[in-house]
Amino acid sequence: MKKTQVLLILVCLGLWSCASLSPSQRANPVITIEPGANPWTHLEFKNDPDNFQFVVISDRGGGERPGIFDKMMPKINLLQPEFVMSVGDLIQGYEENKDEVIRQWDELDGYVSQLEMPFFYVTGNHDYTNRMMADYRHERHGRTYYHFVYRDVLFLIVNSEDPTEKRPNMTDEQNAYLAKALRDNRDVRWTFVFLHRPLWEEKEVYGWTTFEQNLQGRPYTVIAGHVHNYTKSIRYGREYYTVATTGGSSQLRGIEYGEFDHILWITMTDEGPRVAILMCEGIQDTNIRVKE
């Protein structure tokens, strides 16, 4: 029998066997390996079921530049992350008129409802400016600090705002809640912290030092927004990020100044998170150029 006929039979058998396999079995390749050289580098596919990808979207508050945040929703759908995190300042806020606050949240929720995956809210100063806005934020979206565990990774969502004091603050109640979440999840493989203000840069912030001390002894990553320019720093041997903007006010002076519109694409691996910056204008669908 000729070699081409043998290969054709192997391919047909491979396709038939692949169709009969379970989803977990189909994750591995059905491929013909010949003696000697083969046209690939290796067959160690990136298909660990414990690895996952998620997106972090940044500020649109403080003077939104229209047509950026809203247009990121279909772009994120193209990427198909497992979920989307935020860092607060989702509306413009600083309002005394409740009807206007409701309109702004309606607009924001209309945008994020386009996402095909879960979206997690983080509270920023523009979302939580005064007592009325804070009460409505609770009424509409519930808790402002919370946690969840996904594939043995702990996500802590921190509220860095205090509408009563009109300054960054972490209450004793919040710290007690977060401390319990940390105790109850001592053995997770990684911990992510999301908050709006980079409290490690603030002076005289009540509660942050206690919380940060509770993080020690475990692998973790902290991600915040608020300042509208990108910076990565190392504290206690861990990565701390302040992200730039996704449509929020910015001079857009470029990478040198950390001023650009972007999202983070994070892949969780056995060795820890791999973080990539995706520029908003760099994500396009296939209709960018069509034959017509």
Protein backbone atom coordinates (compact mmCIF):
# COMPACT_ATOMS: atom_id res chain seq x y z
CA MET A 1 0.00 0.00 0.00
CA LYS A 2 1.34 3.47 -0.90
CA LYS A 3 2.47 5.88 1.85
CA THR A 4 -0.17 8.48 0.89
CA GLN A 5 -2.90 5.85 1.29
CA VAL A 6 -1.55 4.87 4.74
CA LEU A 7 -1.52 8.50 5.89
CA LEU A 8 -5.07 9.03 4.60
CA ILE A 9 -6.28 6.00 6.58
CA LEU A 10 -4.51 7.31 9.71
CA VAL A 11 -6.12 10.74 9.32
CA CYS A 12 -9.59 9.20 8.82
CA LEU A 13 -9.11 6.93 11.83
CA GLY A 14 -7.91 9.91 13.84
CA LEU A 15 -10.96 12.00 12.90
CA TRP A 16 -13.32 9.11 13.72
CA SER A 17 -11.64 8.43 17.06
CA CYS A 18 -11.58 12.15 17.94
CA ALA A 19 -15.33 12.39 17.39
CA SER A 20 -15.89 9.50 19.78
CA LEU A 21 -13.72 10.90 22.57
CA SER A 22 -14.87 12.82 25.63
CA PRO A 23 -14.23 16.61 25.70
CA SER A 24 -11.21 16.16 27.98
CA GLN A 25 -9.73 13.54 25.65
CA ARG A 26 -10.33 15.73 22.60
CA ALA A 27 -8.12 18.42 24.21
CA ASN A 28 -5.08 16.34 23.21
CA PRO A 29 -3.97 16.27 19.56
CA VAL A 30 -4.69 13.46 17.13
CA ILE A 31 -1.66 13.73 14.90
CA THR A 32 0.55 11.41 12.84
CA ILE A 33 4.15 11.32 14.04
CA GLU A 34 6.65 9.95 11.56
CA PRO A 35 10.14 8.61 12.39
CA GLY A 36 12.82 11.26 12.11
CA ALA A 37 12.03 14.93 11.56
CA ASN A 38 8.51 16.33 11.94
CA PRO A 39 7.31 19.86 11.00
CA TRP A 40 6.74 21.25 14.50
CA THR A 41 8.82 22.24 17.51
CA HIS A 42 7.05 20.06 20.11
CA LEU A 43 3.58 18.83 21.07
CA GLU A 44 3.30 20.27 24.60
CA PHE A 45 0.04 22.12 23.96
CA LYS A 46 -1.10 24.96 26.24
CA ASN A 47 -4.23 23.15 27.38
CA ASP A 48 -3.92 22.85 31.14
CA PRO A 49 -7.53 22.98 32.39
CA ASP A 50 -6.45 24.92 35.50
CA ASN A 51 -5.05 27.77 33.40
CA PHE A 52 -7.48 30.54 32.48
CA GLN A 53 -7.60 34.03 31.00
CA PHE A 54 -9.43 37.14 32.15
CA VAL A 55 -9.53 40.83 31.24
CA VAL A 56 -9.08 43.90 33.44
CA ILE A 57 -10.79 47.03 32.11
CA SER A 58 -9.83 50.44 33.45
CA ASP A 59 -11.27 53.89 34.26
CA ARG A 60 -13.81 55.69 32.11
CA GLY A 61 -14.57 58.37 34.74
CA GLY A 62 -13.13 61.82 35.34
CA GLY A 63 -14.11 63.17 31.94
CA GLU A 64 -14.87 60.29 29.61
CA ARG A 65 -13.71 60.41 26.01
CA PRO A 66 -16.68 58.82 24.20
CA GLY A 67 -16.38 55.88 21.83
CA ILE A 68 -13.65 53.97 23.71
CA PHE A 69 -15.10 52.11 26.71
CA ASP A 70 -18.31 51.20 24.89
CA LYS A 71 -16.46 49.96 21.81
CA MET A 72 -14.30 47.70 23.98
CA MET A 73 -17.27 45.45 24.76
CA PRO A 74 -17.43 43.74 21.32
CA LYS A 75 -13.62 43.67 21.23
CA ILE A 76 -13.51 41.82 24.54
CA ASN A 77 -16.10 39.40 23.18
CA LEU A 78 -13.71 38.69 20.30
CA LEU A 79 -10.99 37.74 22.83
CA GLN A 80 -13.33 35.41 24.78
CA PRO A 81 -11.85 35.73 28.30
CA GLU A 82 -13.56 33.76 31.01
CA PHE A 83 -14.61 36.95 32.84
CA VAL A 84 -13.91 40.69 33.08
CA MET A 85 -12.68 42.60 36.14
CA SER A 86 -12.85 46.37 36.60
CA VAL A 87 -11.02 48.90 38.79
CA GLY A 88 -13.81 51.40 39.44
CA ASP A 89 -14.73 54.87 38.17
CA LEU A 90 -17.31 53.29 35.92
CA ILE A 91 -19.52 56.41 35.81
CA GLN A 92 -18.79 60.14 35.89
CA GLY A 93 -20.47 60.67 39.27
CA TYR A 94 -19.93 63.65 41.57
CA GLU A 95 -23.69 64.22 41.32
CA GLU A 96 -26.38 65.36 43.76
CA ASN A 97 -29.20 64.63 41.31
CA LYS A 98 -30.30 61.01 41.76
CA ASP A 99 -32.02 60.88 38.36
CA GLU A 100 -28.72 61.73 36.70
CA VAL A 101 -26.90 59.08 38.75
CA ILE A 102 -29.48 56.50 37.64
CA ARG A 103 -29.03 57.59 34.01
CA GLN A 104 -25.26 57.18 34.26
CA TRP A 105 -25.55 53.68 35.74
CA ASP A 106 -28.13 52.76 33.09
CA GLU A 107 -25.64 53.82 30.43
CA LEU A 108 -22.78 51.84 32.00
CA ASP A 109 -24.88 48.72 32.53
CA GLY A 110 -26.08 48.96 28.95
CA TYR A 111 -22.45 48.75 27.83
CA VAL A 112 -21.41 45.83 30.04
CA SER A 113 -24.59 43.90 29.26
CA GLN A 114 -23.11 43.34 25.80
CA LEU A 115 -20.38 41.15 27.31
CA GLU A 116 -20.76 37.41 26.78
CA MET A 117 -18.97 36.66 30.06
CA PRO A 118 -19.34 37.84 33.69
CA PHE A 119 -18.37 41.39 34.62
CA PHE A 120 -17.27 42.19 38.20
CA TYR A 121 -17.82 45.68 39.62
CA VAL A 122 -15.19 47.55 41.66
CA THR A 123 -16.13 50.82 43.38
CA GLY A 124 -14.30 54.07 42.57
CA ASN A 125 -14.59 57.61 43.89
CA HIS A 126 -16.68 58.66 40.88
CA ASP A 127 -19.12 55.82 41.63
CA TYR A 128 -19.33 56.48 45.40
CA THR A 129 -18.96 60.22 45.76
CA ASN A 130 -21.55 61.02 48.44
CA ARG A 131 -24.03 59.28 50.72
CA MET A 132 -26.83 59.30 48.14
CA MET A 133 -24.60 57.81 45.46
CA ALA A 134 -23.23 55.23 47.90
CA ASP A 135 -26.74 54.18 48.95
CA TYR A 136 -27.85 53.85 45.33
CA ARG A 137 -24.70 51.90 44.45
CA HIS A 138 -25.57 49.40 47.21
CA GLU A 139 -29.19 49.25 46.08
CA ARG A 140 -28.27 48.62 42.45
CA HIS A 141 -25.17 46.41 42.64
CA GLY A 142 -25.03 45.16 46.20
CA ARG A 143 -21.80 44.75 48.16
CA THR A 144 -18.85 47.04 47.50
CA TYR A 145 -16.31 44.60 48.92
CA TYR A 146 -16.51 40.86 48.35
CA HIS A 147 -14.49 37.84 47.24
CA PHE A 148 -14.70 34.73 45.14
CA VAL A 149 -12.52 31.72 44.34
CA TYR A 150 -12.08 30.55 40.76
CA ARG A 151 -9.95 27.51 39.88
CA ASP A 152 -8.14 27.69 43.20
CA VAL A 153 -7.39 31.43 42.82
CA LEU A 154 -8.75 33.92 45.35
CA PHE A 155 -10.11 37.26 44.11
CA LEU A 156 -10.48 40.01 46.73
CA ILE A 157 -12.46 43.11 45.71
CA VAL A 158 -11.69 46.05 48.00
CA ASN A 159 -13.66 49.28 48.45
CA SER A 160 -11.10 52.07 48.78
CA GLU A 161 -13.73 54.84 49.17
CA ASP A 162 -15.45 56.41 52.17
CA PRO A 163 -18.26 58.78 51.11
CA THR A 164 -18.76 60.01 54.67
CA GLU A 165 -15.16 61.11 55.14
CA LYS A 166 -14.79 61.92 51.40
CA ARG A 167 -11.36 60.33 51.40
CA PRO A 168 -9.81 56.92 50.79
CA ASN A 169 -10.43 54.61 53.71
CA MET A 170 -10.88 50.95 54.68
CA THR A 171 -13.31 50.37 57.53
CA ASP A 172 -12.74 47.89 60.35
CA GLU A 173 -15.75 45.91 59.09
CA GLN A 174 -14.23 45.58 55.63
CA ASN A 175 -10.84 44.57 57.01
CA ALA A 176 -12.45 41.94 59.23
CA TYR A 177 -14.30 40.53 56.23
CA LEU A 178 -11.16 40.43 54.06
CA ALA A 179 -9.08 38.91 56.88
CA LYS A 180 -11.62 36.08 57.21
CA ALA A 181 -11.60 35.51 53.43
CA LEU A 182 -7.81 35.20 53.60
CA ARG A 183 -7.95 32.80 56.56
CA ASP A 184 -10.61 30.66 54.90
CA ASN A 185 -8.53 30.42 51.74
CA ARG A 186 -4.98 29.97 53.05
CA ASP A 187 -3.93 27.35 50.53
CA VAL A 188 -5.08 28.83 47.21
CA ARG A 189 -2.43 28.94 44.53
CA TRP A 190 -2.66 32.73 44.04
CA THR A 191 -4.51 35.80 45.32
CA PHE A 192 -5.57 38.85 43.28
CA VAL A 193 -6.55 42.14 44.93
CA PHE A 194 -8.65 44.66 42.97
CA LEU A 195 -9.35 48.17 44.22
CA HIS A 196 -9.76 51.62 42.75
CA ARG A 197 -7.17 53.81 44.45
CA PRO A 198 -3.59 52.60 44.79
CA LEU A 199 -3.76 52.94 48.56
CA TRP A 200 -0.13 51.93 48.98
CA GLU A 201 0.72 55.33 47.44
CA GLU A 202 -1.67 57.33 49.64
CA LYS A 203 -0.75 58.99 52.92
CA GLU A 204 -2.71 58.48 56.14
CA VAL A 205 -5.11 55.88 54.78
CA TYR A 206 -6.87 54.05 57.57
CA GLY A 207 -6.88 50.27 57.28
CA TRP A 208 -4.60 49.64 54.31
CA THR A 209 -1.48 48.75 56.32
CA THR A 210 -3.42 46.13 58.28
CA PHE A 211 -4.83 44.60 55.12
CA GLU A 212 -1.46 44.57 53.34
CA GLN A 213 0.17 42.86 56.31
CA ASN A 214 -2.51 40.17 56.17
CA LEU A 215 -1.49 39.43 52.58
CA GLN A 216 2.06 38.52 53.49
CA GLY A 217 3.16 34.90 53.30
CA ARG A 218 1.15 34.10 50.18
CA PRO A 219 1.67 34.78 46.45
CA TYR A 220 -0.49 37.72 45.34
CA THR A 221 -0.94 40.53 42.79
CA VAL A 222 -2.57 43.94 43.37
CA ILE A 223 -4.30 45.92 40.61
CA ALA A 224 -5.72 49.47 40.96
CA GLY A 225 -6.64 52.44 38.76
CA HIS A 226 -7.56 56.04 39.66
CA VAL A 227 -4.41 57.91 38.58
CA HIS A 228 -4.99 57.41 34.82
CA ASN A 229 -1.43 56.43 34.06
CA TYR A 230 0.21 53.03 34.04
CA THR A 231 2.85 52.02 36.55
CA LYS A 232 4.16 48.65 37.70
CA SER A 233 5.97 48.45 41.01
CA ILE A 234 7.31 45.76 43.33
CA ARG A 235 6.38 45.72 47.02
CA TYR A 236 7.24 42.90 49.39
CA GLY A 237 8.44 40.99 46.34
CA ARG A 238 5.00 41.17 44.67
CA GLU A 239 3.71 43.00 41.59
CA TYR A 240 1.47 46.04 42.12
CA TYR A 241 -0.15 47.63 39.07
CA THR A 242 -1.87 50.95 38.55
CA VAL A 243 -3.54 50.76 35.16
CA ALA A 244 -4.10 53.67 32.80
CA THR A 245 -7.47 54.32 31.11
CA THR A 246 -10.16 52.74 28.99
CA GLY A 247 -11.71 56.00 27.86
CA GLY A 248 -11.17 58.07 31.02
CA SER A 249 -9.61 61.53 30.96
CA SER A 250 -6.02 61.45 29.68
CA GLN A 251 -3.54 63.55 27.77
CA LEU A 252 -2.59 60.36 25.90
CA ARG A 253 1.08 61.31 25.80
CA GLY A 254 2.05 57.71 25.23
CA ILE A 255 3.96 54.88 26.84
CA GLU A 256 6.73 57.09 28.25
CA TYR A 257 4.13 58.84 30.42
CA GLY A 258 1.98 55.76 31.00
CA GLU A 259 -0.93 57.52 29.27
CA PHE A 260 -2.80 55.27 26.86
CA ASP A 261 -6.10 53.41 26.51
CA HIS A 262 -5.74 49.71 27.21
CA ILE A 263 -6.94 46.60 28.97
CA LEU A 264 -4.94 43.90 30.75
CA TRP A 265 -5.05 40.33 29.47
CA ILE A 266 -4.09 38.02 32.32
CA THR A 267 -3.37 34.31 31.98
CA MET A 268 -3.21 32.34 35.19
CA THR A 269 -0.58 29.58 34.99
CA ASP A 270 1.02 27.13 37.41
CA GLU A 271 3.90 29.58 37.86
CA GLY A 272 1.63 32.58 38.51
CA PRO A 273 -0.10 35.21 36.37
CA ARG A 274 1.21 36.30 32.98
CA VAL A 275 0.09 39.89 32.33
CA ALA A 276 -0.13 41.48 28.86
CA ILE A 277 -1.14 45.03 27.94
CA LEU A 278 -3.52 45.18 24.98
CA MET A 279 -3.95 48.64 23.45
CA CYS A 280 -7.59 49.41 22.68
CA GLU A 281 -6.92 50.50 19.11
CA GLY A 282 -4.90 47.33 18.50
CA ILE A 283 -7.89 44.99 18.90
CA GLN A 284 -9.96 44.76 15.72
CA ASP A 285 -12.46 42.34 14.23
CA THR A 286 -12.16 40.75 10.79
CA ASN A 287 -14.27 43.48 9.16
CA ILE A 288 -11.35 45.91 9.40
CA ARG A 289 -11.02 45.40 5.61
CA VAL A 290 -13.48 43.54 3.42
CA LYS A 291 -13.45 42.86 -0.30
CA GLU A 292 -16.26 45.31 -1.12
